[in-house]
Amino acid sequence: MTLKWRGDLAKKIAREAAMQALHDGAEAILTEAIDEAPIDTGTLRRSGAVTDAPTEGAVYVSFSTPYAVKQHEDLTLNHPRGGKAKYLEDPFKRNAAKVEKLVGLRVKKALKDAR
């Protein structure tokens, strides 16, 4: 019987599976955030994006209008056409544990399938 260490391959597989799971989770968070973002012209909602940063082991969800932060943070603003403040933070908090679990399951499956 011969044993062969494939630690580098296992790390690569785990990283790729984790990044894909993070991306998928971020897309789900973005979908909810878009639904909760204030709407006037729709520009804020259309500016939502998911950005992968594999060298950092991270995925970012962002809104890129100049007023995105104010709309997110200012609890005193009224949104008569729909949406609310904390439109990104709330979906993140609701989904963080699910995304964490998804990452674990995807990494485990990827490593098992690689045997």
PDB file of N, CA and C in Angstrom:
ATOM      1  N   MET A   1       0.846  -1.173   0.000  1.00  0.00           N
ATOM      2  CA  MET A   1       0.000   0.000   0.000  1.00  0.00           C
ATOM      3  C   MET A   1       0.893   1.238   0.000  1.00  0.00           C
ATOM      4  N   THR A   2       0.535   2.193  -0.842  1.00  0.00           N
ATOM      5  CA  THR A   2       1.286   3.432  -0.942  1.00  0.00           C
ATOM      6  C   THR A   2       0.374   4.598  -0.584  1.00  0.00           C
ATOM      7  N   LEU A   3       0.889   5.444   0.277  1.00  0.00           N
ATOM      8  CA  LEU A   3       0.159   6.655   0.636  1.00  0.00           C
ATOM      9  C   LEU A   3       0.789   7.833  -0.088  1.00  0.00           C
ATOM     10  N   LYS A   4      -0.058   8.720  -0.586  1.00  0.00           N
ATOM     11  CA  LYS A   4       0.453   9.890  -1.278  1.00  0.00           C
ATOM     12  C   LYS A   4      -0.219  11.128  -0.688  1.00  0.00           C
ATOM     13  N   TRP A   5       0.586  12.066  -0.253  1.00  0.00           N
ATOM     14  CA  TRP A   5       0.072  13.313   0.316  1.00  0.00           C
ATOM     15  C   TRP A   5      -0.309  14.257  -0.823  1.00  0.00           C
ATOM     16  N   ARG A   6      -1.556  14.713  -0.813  1.00  0.00           N
ATOM     17  CA  ARG A   6      -2.022  15.644  -1.836  1.00  0.00           C
ATOM     18  C   ARG A   6      -2.599  16.897  -1.175  1.00  0.00           C
ATOM     19  N   GLY A   7      -1.888  17.384  -0.178  1.00  0.00           N
ATOM     20  CA  GLY A   7      -2.351  18.542   0.582  1.00  0.00           C
ATOM     21  C   GLY A   7      -2.536  19.792  -0.256  1.00  0.00           C
ATOM     22  N   ASP A   8      -1.615  20.051  -1.174  1.00  0.00           N
ATOM     23  CA  ASP A   8      -1.736  21.243  -2.021  1.00  0.00           C
ATOM     24  C   ASP A   8      -2.981  21.166  -2.899  1.00  0.00           C
ATOM     25  N   LEU A   9      -3.249  19.980  -3.434  1.00  0.00           N
ATOM     26  CA  LEU A   9      -4.447  19.796  -4.251  1.00  0.00           C
ATOM     27  C   LEU A   9      -5.703  19.959  -3.402  1.00  0.00           C
ATOM     28  N   ALA A  10      -5.684  19.396  -2.209  1.00  0.00           N
ATOM     29  CA  ALA A  10      -6.843  19.514  -1.312  1.00  0.00           C
ATOM     30  C   ALA A  10      -7.114  20.978  -0.968  1.00  0.00           C
ATOM     31  N   LYS A  11      -6.059  21.746  -0.706  1.00  0.00           N
ATOM     32  CA  LYS A  11      -6.240  23.175  -0.405  1.00  0.00           C
ATOM     33  C   LYS A  11      -6.834  23.919  -1.593  1.00  0.00           C
ATOM     34  N   LYS A  12      -6.348  23.601  -2.787  1.00  0.00           N
ATOM     35  CA  LYS A  12      -6.860  24.252  -4.000  1.00  0.00           C
ATOM     36  C   LYS A  12      -8.339  23.925  -4.193  1.00  0.00           C
ATOM     37  N   ILE A  13      -8.701  22.676  -4.053  1.00  0.00           N
ATOM     38  CA  ILE A  13     -10.092  22.251  -4.209  1.00  0.00           C
ATOM     39  C   ILE A  13     -10.973  22.929  -3.168  1.00  0.00           C
ATOM     40  N   ALA A  14     -10.508  22.960  -1.934  1.00  0.00           N
ATOM     41  CA  ALA A  14     -11.284  23.577  -0.851  1.00  0.00           C
ATOM     42  C   ALA A  14     -11.464  25.072  -1.092  1.00  0.00           C
ATOM     43  N   ARG A  15     -10.397  25.756  -1.507  1.00  0.00           N
ATOM     44  CA  ARG A  15     -10.487  27.200  -1.779  1.00  0.00           C
ATOM     45  C   ARG A  15     -11.479  27.497  -2.898  1.00  0.00           C
ATOM     46  N   GLU A  16     -11.398  26.718  -3.976  1.00  0.00           N
ATOM     47  CA  GLU A  16     -12.300  26.945  -5.109  1.00  0.00           C
ATOM     48  C   GLU A  16     -13.754  26.699  -4.717  1.00  0.00           C
ATOM     49  N   ALA A  17     -14.000  25.629  -3.973  1.00  0.00           N
ATOM     50  CA  ALA A  17     -15.368  25.326  -3.538  1.00  0.00           C
ATOM     51  C   ALA A  17     -15.882  26.399  -2.590  1.00  0.00           C
ATOM     52  N   ALA A  18     -15.027  26.862  -1.696  1.00  0.00           N
ATOM     53  CA  ALA A  18     -15.427  27.906  -0.748  1.00  0.00           C
ATOM     54  C   ALA A  18     -15.747  29.203  -1.479  1.00  0.00           C
ATOM     55  N   MET A  19     -14.921  29.575  -2.442  1.00  0.00           N
ATOM     56  CA  MET A  19     -15.166  30.814  -3.188  1.00  0.00           C
ATOM     57  C   MET A  19     -16.467  30.734  -3.980  1.00  0.00           C
ATOM     58  N   GLN A  20     -16.735  29.584  -4.590  1.00  0.00           N
ATOM     59  CA  GLN A  20     -17.980  29.444  -5.348  1.00  0.00           C
ATOM     60  C   GLN A  20     -19.181  29.524  -4.417  1.00  0.00           C
ATOM     61  N   ALA A  21     -19.083  28.897  -3.248  1.00  0.00           N
ATOM     62  CA  ALA A  21     -20.177  28.956  -2.273  1.00  0.00           C
ATOM     63  C   ALA A  21     -20.370  30.382  -1.764  1.00  0.00           C
ATOM     64  N   LEU A  22     -19.275  31.082  -1.492  1.00  0.00           N
ATOM     65  CA  LEU A  22     -19.380  32.480  -1.066  1.00  0.00           C
ATOM     66  C   LEU A  22     -20.040  33.329  -2.151  1.00  0.00           C
ATOM     67  N   HIS A  23     -19.653  33.091  -3.391  1.00  0.00           N
ATOM     68  CA  HIS A  23     -20.246  33.841  -4.499  1.00  0.00           C
ATOM     69  C   HIS A  23     -21.751  33.574  -4.585  1.00  0.00           C
ATOM     70  N   ASP A  24     -22.129  32.309  -4.520  1.00  0.00           N
ATOM     71  CA  ASP A  24     -23.550  31.960  -4.594  1.00  0.00           C
ATOM     72  C   ASP A  24     -24.326  32.573  -3.428  1.00  0.00           C
ATOM     73  N   GLY A  25     -23.741  32.528  -2.240  1.00  0.00           N
ATOM     74  CA  GLY A  25     -24.383  33.138  -1.081  1.00  0.00           C
ATOM     75  C   GLY A  25     -24.505  34.642  -1.228  1.00  0.00           C
ATOM     76  N   ALA A  26     -23.472  35.269  -1.765  1.00  0.00           N
ATOM     77  CA  ALA A  26     -23.501  36.719  -1.977  1.00  0.00           C
ATOM     78  C   ALA A  26     -24.564  37.100  -3.001  1.00  0.00           C
ATOM     79  N   GLU A  27     -24.732  36.286  -4.025  1.00  0.00           N
ATOM     80  CA  GLU A  27     -25.782  36.546  -5.021  1.00  0.00           C
ATOM     81  C   GLU A  27     -27.165  36.494  -4.371  1.00  0.00           C
ATOM     82  N   ALA A  28     -27.367  35.539  -3.465  1.00  0.00           N
ATOM     83  CA  ALA A  28     -28.652  35.439  -2.761  1.00  0.00           C
ATOM     84  C   ALA A  28     -28.872  36.663  -1.870  1.00  0.00           C
ATOM     85  N   ILE A  29     -27.824  37.093  -1.187  1.00  0.00           N
ATOM     86  CA  ILE A  29     -27.919  38.295  -0.346  1.00  0.00           C
ATOM     87  C   ILE A  29     -28.218  39.512  -1.217  1.00  0.00           C
ATOM     88  N   LEU A  30     -27.535  39.626  -2.346  1.00  0.00           N
ATOM     89  CA  LEU A  30     -27.764  40.750  -3.247  1.00  0.00           C
ATOM     90  C   LEU A  30     -29.210  40.774  -3.736  1.00  0.00           C
ATOM     91  N   THR A  31     -29.756  39.624  -4.067  1.00  0.00           N
ATOM     92  CA  THR A  31     -31.141  39.562  -4.534  1.00  0.00           C
ATOM     93  C   THR A  31     -32.089  40.140  -3.490  1.00  0.00           C
ATOM     94  N   GLU A  32     -31.899  39.751  -2.236  1.00  0.00           N
ATOM     95  CA  GLU A  32     -32.738  40.291  -1.163  1.00  0.00           C
ATOM     96  C   GLU A  32     -32.473  41.780  -0.957  1.00  0.00           C
ATOM     97  N   ALA A  33     -31.209  42.173  -1.023  1.00  0.00           N
ATOM     98  CA  ALA A  33     -30.857  43.582  -0.812  1.00  0.00           C
ATOM     99  C   ALA A  33     -31.474  44.469  -1.890  1.00  0.00           C
ATOM    100  N   ILE A  34     -31.459  44.012  -3.114  1.00  0.00           N
ATOM    101  CA  ILE A  34     -32.074  44.787  -4.197  1.00  0.00           C
ATOM    102  C   ILE A  34     -33.561  44.982  -3.919  1.00  0.00           C
ATOM    103  N   ASP A  35     -34.221  43.927  -3.476  1.00  0.00           N
ATOM    104  CA  ASP A  35     -35.653  44.023  -3.162  1.00  0.00           C
ATOM    105  C   ASP A  35     -35.933  44.996  -2.024  1.00  0.00           C
ATOM    106  N   GLU A  36     -34.975  45.166  -1.110  1.00  0.00           N
ATOM    107  CA  GLU A  36     -35.171  46.025   0.060  1.00  0.00           C
ATOM    108  C   GLU A  36     -34.599  47.430  -0.109  1.00  0.00           C
ATOM    109  N   ALA A  37     -33.809  47.646  -1.156  1.00  0.00           N
ATOM    110  CA  ALA A  37     -33.198  48.963  -1.376  1.00  0.00           C
ATOM    111  C   ALA A  37     -34.273  49.991  -1.717  1.00  0.00           C
ATOM    112  N   PRO A  38     -34.090  51.224  -1.252  1.00  0.00           N
ATOM    113  CA  PRO A  38     -35.037  52.277  -1.610  1.00  0.00           C
ATOM    114  C   PRO A  38     -35.122  52.432  -3.129  1.00  0.00           C
ATOM    115  N   ILE A  39     -36.312  52.768  -3.581  1.00  0.00           N
ATOM    116  CA  ILE A  39     -36.479  52.955  -5.025  1.00  0.00           C
ATOM    117  C   ILE A  39     -37.053  54.340  -5.294  1.00  0.00           C
ATOM    118  N   ASP A  40     -36.421  55.023  -6.203  1.00  0.00           N
ATOM    119  CA  ASP A  40     -36.945  56.279  -6.734  1.00  0.00           C
ATOM    120  C   ASP A  40     -36.899  56.133  -8.248  1.00  0.00           C
ATOM    121  N   THR A  41     -35.705  56.198  -8.798  1.00  0.00           N
ATOM    122  CA  THR A  41     -35.547  55.993 -10.242  1.00  0.00           C
ATOM    123  C   THR A  41     -35.134  54.560 -10.571  1.00  0.00           C
ATOM    124  N   GLY A  42     -34.698  53.811  -9.554  1.00  0.00           N
ATOM    125  CA  GLY A  42     -34.222  52.447  -9.767  1.00  0.00           C
ATOM    126  C   GLY A  42     -32.716  52.349  -9.919  1.00  0.00           C
ATOM    127  N   THR A  43     -32.034  53.490  -9.965  1.00  0.00           N
ATOM    128  CA  THR A  43     -30.583  53.489 -10.159  1.00  0.00           C
ATOM    129  C   THR A  43     -29.858  52.792  -9.018  1.00  0.00           C
ATOM    130  N   LEU A  44     -30.267  53.052  -7.787  1.00  0.00           N
ATOM    131  CA  LEU A  44     -29.621  52.405  -6.639  1.00  0.00           C
ATOM    132  C   LEU A  44     -29.750  50.893  -6.747  1.00  0.00           C
ATOM    133  N   ARG A  45     -30.930  50.413  -7.000  1.00  0.00           N
ATOM    134  CA  ARG A  45     -31.137  48.966  -7.110  1.00  0.00           C
ATOM    135  C   ARG A  45     -30.311  48.369  -8.246  1.00  0.00           C
ATOM    136  N   ARG A  46     -30.243  49.059  -9.361  1.00  0.00           N
ATOM    137  CA  ARG A  46     -29.466  48.543 -10.500  1.00  0.00           C
ATOM    138  C   ARG A  46     -27.964  48.564 -10.245  1.00  0.00           C
ATOM    139  N   SER A  47     -27.510  49.342  -9.272  1.00  0.00           N
ATOM    140  CA  SER A  47     -26.066  49.455  -9.023  1.00  0.00           C
ATOM    141  C   SER A  47     -25.520  48.319  -8.159  1.00  0.00           C
ATOM    142  N   GLY A  48     -26.371  47.448  -7.655  1.00  0.00           N
ATOM    143  CA  GLY A  48     -25.914  46.347  -6.806  1.00  0.00           C
ATOM    144  C   GLY A  48     -25.055  45.361  -7.583  1.00  0.00           C
ATOM    145  N   ALA A  49     -24.004  44.876  -6.941  1.00  0.00           N
ATOM    146  CA  ALA A  49     -23.085  43.954  -7.615  1.00  0.00           C
ATOM    147  C   ALA A  49     -22.402  43.037  -6.609  1.00  0.00           C
ATOM    148  N   VAL A  50     -21.982  41.887  -7.108  1.00  0.00           N
ATOM    149  CA  VAL A  50     -21.154  40.948  -6.350  1.00  0.00           C
ATOM    150  C   VAL A  50     -19.779  40.951  -6.999  1.00  0.00           C
ATOM    151  N   THR A  51     -18.744  41.101  -6.187  1.00  0.00           N
ATOM    152  CA  THR A  51     -17.368  41.126  -6.680  1.00  0.00           C
ATOM    153  C   THR A  51     -16.558  40.064  -5.950  1.00  0.00           C
ATOM    154  N   ASP A  52     -15.964  39.148  -6.714  1.00  0.00           N
ATOM    155  CA  ASP A  52     -15.113  38.112  -6.133  1.00  0.00           C
ATOM    156  C   ASP A  52     -13.697  38.648  -5.940  1.00  0.00           C
ATOM    157  N   ALA A  53     -13.105  38.311  -4.806  1.00  0.00           N
ATOM    158  CA  ALA A  53     -11.716  38.678  -4.513  1.00  0.00           C
ATOM    159  C   ALA A  53     -10.997  37.423  -4.028  1.00  0.00           C
ATOM    160  N   PRO A  54     -10.680  36.503  -4.945  1.00  0.00           N
ATOM    161  CA  PRO A  54     -10.115  35.215  -4.539  1.00  0.00           C
ATOM    162  C   PRO A  54      -8.781  35.305  -3.808  1.00  0.00           C
ATOM    163  N   THR A  55      -7.963  36.304  -4.120  1.00  0.00           N
ATOM    164  CA  THR A  55      -6.686  36.411  -3.409  1.00  0.00           C
ATOM    165  C   THR A  55      -6.898  36.772  -1.944  1.00  0.00           C
ATOM    166  N   GLU A  56      -8.041  37.397  -1.646  1.00  0.00           N
ATOM    167  CA  GLU A  56      -8.386  37.737  -0.263  1.00  0.00           C
ATOM    168  C   GLU A  56      -9.263  36.669   0.379  1.00  0.00           C
ATOM    169  N   GLY A  57      -9.728  35.714  -0.421  1.00  0.00           N
ATOM    170  CA  GLY A  57     -10.662  34.719   0.088  1.00  0.00           C
ATOM    171  C   GLY A  57     -11.979  35.361   0.477  1.00  0.00           C
ATOM    172  N   ALA A  58     -12.410  36.349  -0.321  1.00  0.00           N
ATOM    173  CA  ALA A  58     -13.598  37.127   0.032  1.00  0.00           C
ATOM    174  C   ALA A  58     -14.464  37.377  -1.194  1.00  0.00           C
ATOM    175  N   VAL A  59     -15.715  37.677  -0.910  1.00  0.00           N
ATOM    176  CA  VAL A  59     -16.666  38.107  -1.925  1.00  0.00           C
ATOM    177  C   VAL A  59     -17.369  39.334  -1.362  1.00  0.00           C
ATOM    178  N   TYR A  60     -17.522  40.364  -2.180  1.00  0.00           N
ATOM    179  CA  TYR A  60     -18.124  41.614  -1.724  1.00  0.00           C
ATOM    180  C   TYR A  60     -19.467  41.849  -2.403  1.00  0.00           C
ATOM    181  N   VAL A  61     -20.419  42.348  -1.632  1.00  0.00           N
ATOM    182  CA  VAL A  61     -21.701  42.806  -2.157  1.00  0.00           C
ATOM    183  C   VAL A  61     -21.712  44.313  -1.957  1.00  0.00           C
ATOM    184  N   SER A  62     -22.006  45.048  -3.012  1.00  0.00           N
ATOM    185  CA  SER A  62     -21.955  46.508  -2.895  1.00  0.00           C
ATOM    186  C   SER A  62     -22.992  47.173  -3.786  1.00  0.00           C
ATOM    187  N   PHE A  63     -23.251  48.427  -3.456  1.00  0.00           N
ATOM    188  CA  PHE A  63     -24.088  49.309  -4.270  1.00  0.00           C
ATOM    189  C   PHE A  63     -23.237  50.533  -4.554  1.00  0.00           C
ATOM    190  N   SER A  64     -23.205  50.984  -5.804  1.00  0.00           N
ATOM    191  CA  SER A  64     -22.177  51.949  -6.193  1.00  0.00           C
ATOM    192  C   SER A  64     -22.667  53.361  -6.496  1.00  0.00           C
ATOM    193  N   THR A  65     -23.868  53.716  -6.112  1.00  0.00           N
ATOM    194  CA  THR A  65     -24.290  55.096  -6.348  1.00  0.00           C
ATOM    195  C   THR A  65     -23.671  56.005  -5.287  1.00  0.00           C
ATOM    196  N   PRO A  66     -23.520  57.294  -5.592  1.00  0.00           N
ATOM    197  CA  PRO A  66     -22.949  58.224  -4.608  1.00  0.00           C
ATOM    198  C   PRO A  66     -23.775  58.325  -3.323  1.00  0.00           C
ATOM    199  N   TYR A  67     -25.048  58.010  -3.400  1.00  0.00           N
ATOM    200  CA  TYR A  67     -25.936  58.148  -2.240  1.00  0.00           C
ATOM    201  C   TYR A  67     -26.267  56.811  -1.574  1.00  0.00           C
ATOM    202  N   ALA A  68     -25.633  55.732  -1.989  1.00  0.00           N
ATOM    203  CA  ALA A  68     -25.941  54.407  -1.444  1.00  0.00           C
ATOM    204  C   ALA A  68     -25.717  54.340   0.067  1.00  0.00           C
ATOM    205  N   VAL A  69     -24.612  54.882   0.555  1.00  0.00           N
ATOM    206  CA  VAL A  69     -24.312  54.821   1.992  1.00  0.00           C
ATOM    207  C   VAL A  69     -25.334  55.628   2.782  1.00  0.00           C
ATOM    208  N   LYS A  70     -25.658  56.829   2.322  1.00  0.00           N
ATOM    209  CA  LYS A  70     -26.645  57.648   3.038  1.00  0.00           C
ATOM    210  C   LYS A  70     -27.990  56.937   3.091  1.00  0.00           C
ATOM    211  N   GLN A  71     -28.424  56.389   1.987  1.00  0.00           N
ATOM    212  CA  GLN A  71     -29.702  55.678   1.967  1.00  0.00           C
ATOM    213  C   GLN A  71     -29.674  54.468   2.897  1.00  0.00           C
ATOM    214  N   HIS A  72     -28.521  53.824   2.998  1.00  0.00           N
ATOM    215  CA  HIS A  72     -28.390  52.648   3.857  1.00  0.00           C
ATOM    216  C   HIS A  72     -28.370  53.017   5.329  1.00  0.00           C
ATOM    217  N   GLU A  73     -27.670  54.079   5.676  1.00  0.00           N
ATOM    218  CA  GLU A  73     -27.412  54.404   7.080  1.00  0.00           C
ATOM    219  C   GLU A  73     -28.405  55.371   7.723  1.00  0.00           C
ATOM    220  N   ASP A  74     -29.033  56.228   6.944  1.00  0.00           N
ATOM    221  CA  ASP A  74     -29.898  57.264   7.519  1.00  0.00           C
ATOM    222  C   ASP A  74     -31.298  56.715   7.782  1.00  0.00           C
ATOM    223  N   LEU A  75     -31.563  56.406   9.040  1.00  0.00           N
ATOM    224  CA  LEU A  75     -32.848  55.822   9.434  1.00  0.00           C
ATOM    225  C   LEU A  75     -33.986  56.834   9.411  1.00  0.00           C
ATOM    226  N   THR A  76     -33.672  58.113   9.242  1.00  0.00           N
ATOM    227  CA  THR A  76     -34.722  59.139   9.247  1.00  0.00           C
ATOM    228  C   THR A  76     -35.313  59.395   7.862  1.00  0.00           C
ATOM    229  N   LEU A  77     -34.700  58.867   6.827  1.00  0.00           N
ATOM    230  CA  LEU A  77     -35.204  59.100   5.470  1.00  0.00           C
ATOM    231  C   LEU A  77     -36.504  58.336   5.240  1.00  0.00           C
ATOM    232  N   ASN A  78     -37.405  58.956   4.499  1.00  0.00           N
ATOM    233  CA  ASN A  78     -38.649  58.294   4.099  1.00  0.00           C
ATOM    234  C   ASN A  78     -38.473  57.741   2.687  1.00  0.00           C
ATOM    235  N   HIS A  79     -39.089  56.612   2.441  1.00  0.00           N
ATOM    236  CA  HIS A  79     -38.994  55.974   1.130  1.00  0.00           C
ATOM    237  C   HIS A  79     -40.408  55.682   0.631  1.00  0.00           C
ATOM    238  N   PRO A  80     -41.110  56.720   0.154  1.00  0.00           N
ATOM    239  CA  PRO A  80     -42.524  56.568  -0.212  1.00  0.00           C
ATOM    240  C   PRO A  80     -42.774  55.604  -1.371  1.00  0.00           C
ATOM    241  N   ARG A  81     -41.768  55.360  -2.196  1.00  0.00           N
ATOM    242  CA  ARG A  81     -41.949  54.454  -3.336  1.00  0.00           C
ATOM    243  C   ARG A  81     -41.473  53.044  -3.024  1.00  0.00           C
ATOM    244  N   GLY A  82     -41.057  52.800  -1.771  1.00  0.00           N
ATOM    245  CA  GLY A  82     -40.642  51.460  -1.368  1.00  0.00           C
ATOM    246  C   GLY A  82     -39.180  51.387  -0.997  1.00  0.00           C
ATOM    247  N   GLY A  83     -38.847  50.353  -0.266  1.00  0.00           N
ATOM    248  CA  GLY A  83     -37.491  50.139   0.193  1.00  0.00           C
ATOM    249  C   GLY A  83     -37.286  50.709   1.584  1.00  0.00           C
ATOM    250  N   LYS A  84     -36.063  50.555   2.094  1.00  0.00           N
ATOM    251  CA  LYS A  84     -35.789  50.958   3.469  1.00  0.00           C
ATOM    252  C   LYS A  84     -34.297  51.130   3.690  1.00  0.00           C
ATOM    253  N   ALA A  85     -33.963  51.721   4.832  1.00  0.00           N
ATOM    254  CA  ALA A  85     -32.561  51.775   5.259  1.00  0.00           C
ATOM    255  C   ALA A  85     -32.123  50.361   5.640  1.00  0.00           C
ATOM    256  N   LYS A  86     -30.844  50.159   5.777  1.00  0.00           N
ATOM    257  CA  LYS A  86     -30.252  48.865   6.148  1.00  0.00           C
ATOM    258  C   LYS A  86     -30.620  47.772   5.141  1.00  0.00           C
ATOM    259  N   TYR A  87     -30.784  48.183   3.888  1.00  0.00           N
ATOM    260  CA  TYR A  87     -31.202  47.264   2.836  1.00  0.00           C
ATOM    261  C   TYR A  87     -30.160  46.196   2.518  1.00  0.00           C
ATOM    262  N   LEU A  88     -28.907  46.410   2.871  1.00  0.00           N
ATOM    263  CA  LEU A  88     -27.872  45.397   2.669  1.00  0.00           C
ATOM    264  C   LEU A  88     -27.543  44.682   3.974  1.00  0.00           C
ATOM    265  N   GLU A  89     -27.454  45.417   5.045  1.00  0.00           N
ATOM    266  CA  GLU A  89     -27.104  44.836   6.346  1.00  0.00           C
ATOM    267  C   GLU A  89     -28.120  43.791   6.796  1.00  0.00           C
ATOM    268  N   ASP A  90     -29.405  44.083   6.646  1.00  0.00           N
ATOM    269  CA  ASP A  90     -30.430  43.144   7.108  1.00  0.00           C
ATOM    270  C   ASP A  90     -30.384  41.811   6.354  1.00  0.00           C
ATOM    271  N   PRO A  91     -30.333  41.803   5.011  1.00  0.00           N
ATOM    272  CA  PRO A  91     -30.203  40.524   4.318  1.00  0.00           C
ATOM    273  C   PRO A  91     -28.911  39.786   4.673  1.00  0.00           C
ATOM    274  N   PHE A  92     -27.829  40.544   4.885  1.00  0.00           N
ATOM    275  CA  PHE A  92     -26.573  39.907   5.288  1.00  0.00           C
ATOM    276  C   PHE A  92     -26.753  39.182   6.616  1.00  0.00           C
ATOM    277  N   LYS A  93     -27.323  39.860   7.587  1.00  0.00           N
ATOM    278  CA  LYS A  93     -27.510  39.254   8.909  1.00  0.00           C
ATOM    279  C   LYS A  93     -28.433  38.043   8.840  1.00  0.00           C
ATOM    280  N   ARG A  94     -29.484  38.129   8.038  1.00  0.00           N
ATOM    281  CA  ARG A  94     -30.420  37.008   7.915  1.00  0.00           C
ATOM    282  C   ARG A  94     -29.783  35.789   7.266  1.00  0.00           C
ATOM    283  N   ASN A  95     -28.810  36.010   6.396  1.00  0.00           N
ATOM    284  CA  ASN A  95     -28.257  34.918   5.595  1.00  0.00           C
ATOM    285  C   ASN A  95     -26.856  34.469   5.974  1.00  0.00           C
ATOM    286  N   ALA A  96     -26.190  35.157   6.876  1.00  0.00           N
ATOM    287  CA  ALA A  96     -24.787  34.845   7.191  1.00  0.00           C
ATOM    288  C   ALA A  96     -24.598  33.397   7.624  1.00  0.00           C
ATOM    289  N   ALA A  97     -25.429  32.914   8.517  1.00  0.00           N
ATOM    290  CA  ALA A  97     -25.281  31.536   9.001  1.00  0.00           C
ATOM    291  C   ALA A  97     -25.541  30.531   7.882  1.00  0.00           C
ATOM    292  N   LYS A  98     -26.496  30.828   7.008  1.00  0.00           N
ATOM    293  CA  LYS A  98     -26.793  29.934   5.880  1.00  0.00           C
ATOM    294  C   LYS A  98     -25.605  29.861   4.925  1.00  0.00           C
ATOM    295  N   VAL A  99     -25.002  31.010   4.659  1.00  0.00           N
ATOM    296  CA  VAL A  99     -23.856  31.039   3.747  1.00  0.00           C
ATOM    297  C   VAL A  99     -22.678  30.295   4.367  1.00  0.00           C
ATOM    298  N   GLU A 100     -22.467  30.498   5.647  1.00  0.00           N
ATOM    299  CA  GLU A 100     -21.387  29.782   6.338  1.00  0.00           C
ATOM    300  C   GLU A 100     -21.600  28.271   6.237  1.00  0.00           C
ATOM    301  N   LYS A 101     -22.818  27.834   6.440  1.00  0.00           N
ATOM    302  CA  LYS A 101     -23.128  26.401   6.342  1.00  0.00           C
ATOM    303  C   LYS A 101     -22.928  25.911   4.908  1.00  0.00           C
ATOM    304  N   LEU A 102     -23.360  26.708   3.937  1.00  0.00           N
ATOM    305  CA  LEU A 102     -23.194  26.354   2.533  1.00  0.00           C
ATOM    306  C   LEU A 102     -21.723  26.167   2.186  1.00  0.00           C
ATOM    307  N   VAL A 103     -20.875  27.053   2.666  1.00  0.00           N
ATOM    308  CA  VAL A 103     -19.435  26.937   2.405  1.00  0.00           C
ATOM    309  C   VAL A 103     -18.917  25.603   2.940  1.00  0.00           C
ATOM    310  N   GLY A 104     -19.266  25.279   4.168  1.00  0.00           N
ATOM    311  CA  GLY A 104     -18.814  24.022   4.756  1.00  0.00           C
ATOM    312  C   GLY A 104     -19.278  22.809   3.970  1.00  0.00           C
ATOM    313  N   LEU A 105     -20.538  22.803   3.578  1.00  0.00           N
ATOM    314  CA  LEU A 105     -21.081  21.673   2.819  1.00  0.00           C
ATOM    315  C   LEU A 105     -20.422  21.543   1.454  1.00  0.00           C
ATOM    316  N   ARG A 106     -20.218  22.665   0.779  1.00  0.00           N
ATOM    317  CA  ARG A 106     -19.611  22.628  -0.556  1.00  0.00           C
ATOM    318  C   ARG A 106     -18.151  22.174  -0.499  1.00  0.00           C
ATOM    319  N   VAL A 107     -17.414  22.638   0.507  1.00  0.00           N
ATOM    320  CA  VAL A 107     -16.013  22.221   0.645  1.00  0.00           C
ATOM    321  C   VAL A 107     -15.954  20.728   0.937  1.00  0.00           C
ATOM    322  N   LYS A 108     -16.774  20.278   1.849  1.00  0.00           N
ATOM    323  CA  LYS A 108     -16.801  18.853   2.200  1.00  0.00           C
ATOM    324  C   LYS A 108     -17.122  18.000   0.973  1.00  0.00           C
ATOM    325  N   LYS A 109     -18.131  18.409   0.198  1.00  0.00           N
ATOM    326  CA  LYS A 109     -18.513  17.653  -0.992  1.00  0.00           C
ATOM    327  C   LYS A 109     -17.394  17.666  -2.030  1.00  0.00           C
ATOM    328  N   ALA A 110     -16.783  18.814  -2.254  1.00  0.00           N
ATOM    329  CA  ALA A 110     -15.715  18.916  -3.252  1.00  0.00           C
ATOM    330  C   ALA A 110     -14.535  18.025  -2.888  1.00  0.00           C
ATOM    331  N   LEU A 111     -14.179  18.000  -1.614  1.00  0.00           N
ATOM    332  CA  LEU A 111     -13.062  17.151  -1.187  1.00  0.00           C
ATOM    333  C   LEU A 111     -13.423  15.673  -1.298  1.00  0.00           C
ATOM    334  N   LYS A 112     -14.655  15.347  -0.975  1.00  0.00           N
ATOM    335  CA  LYS A 112     -15.106  13.950  -1.077  1.00  0.00           C
ATOM    336  C   LYS A 112     -15.115  13.505  -2.538  1.00  0.00           C
ATOM    337  N   ASP A 113     -15.628  14.365  -3.421  1.00  0.00           N
ATOM    338  CA  ASP A 113     -15.698  14.029  -4.846  1.00  0.00           C
ATOM    339  C   ASP A 113     -14.315  13.922  -5.485  1.00  0.00           C
ATOM    340  N   ALA A 114     -13.316  14.553  -4.898  1.00  0.00           N
ATOM    341  CA  ALA A 114     -11.961  14.564  -5.470  1.00  0.00           C
ATOM    342  C   ALA A 114     -11.165  13.310  -5.145  1.00  0.00           C
ATOM    343  N   ARG A 115     -11.676  12.485  -4.278  1.00  0.00           N
ATOM    344  CA  ARG A 115     -10.908  11.289  -3.888  1.00  0.00           C
ATOM    345  C   ARG A 115     -10.561  10.397  -5.034  1.00  0.00           C
TER     346      ARG A 115
END
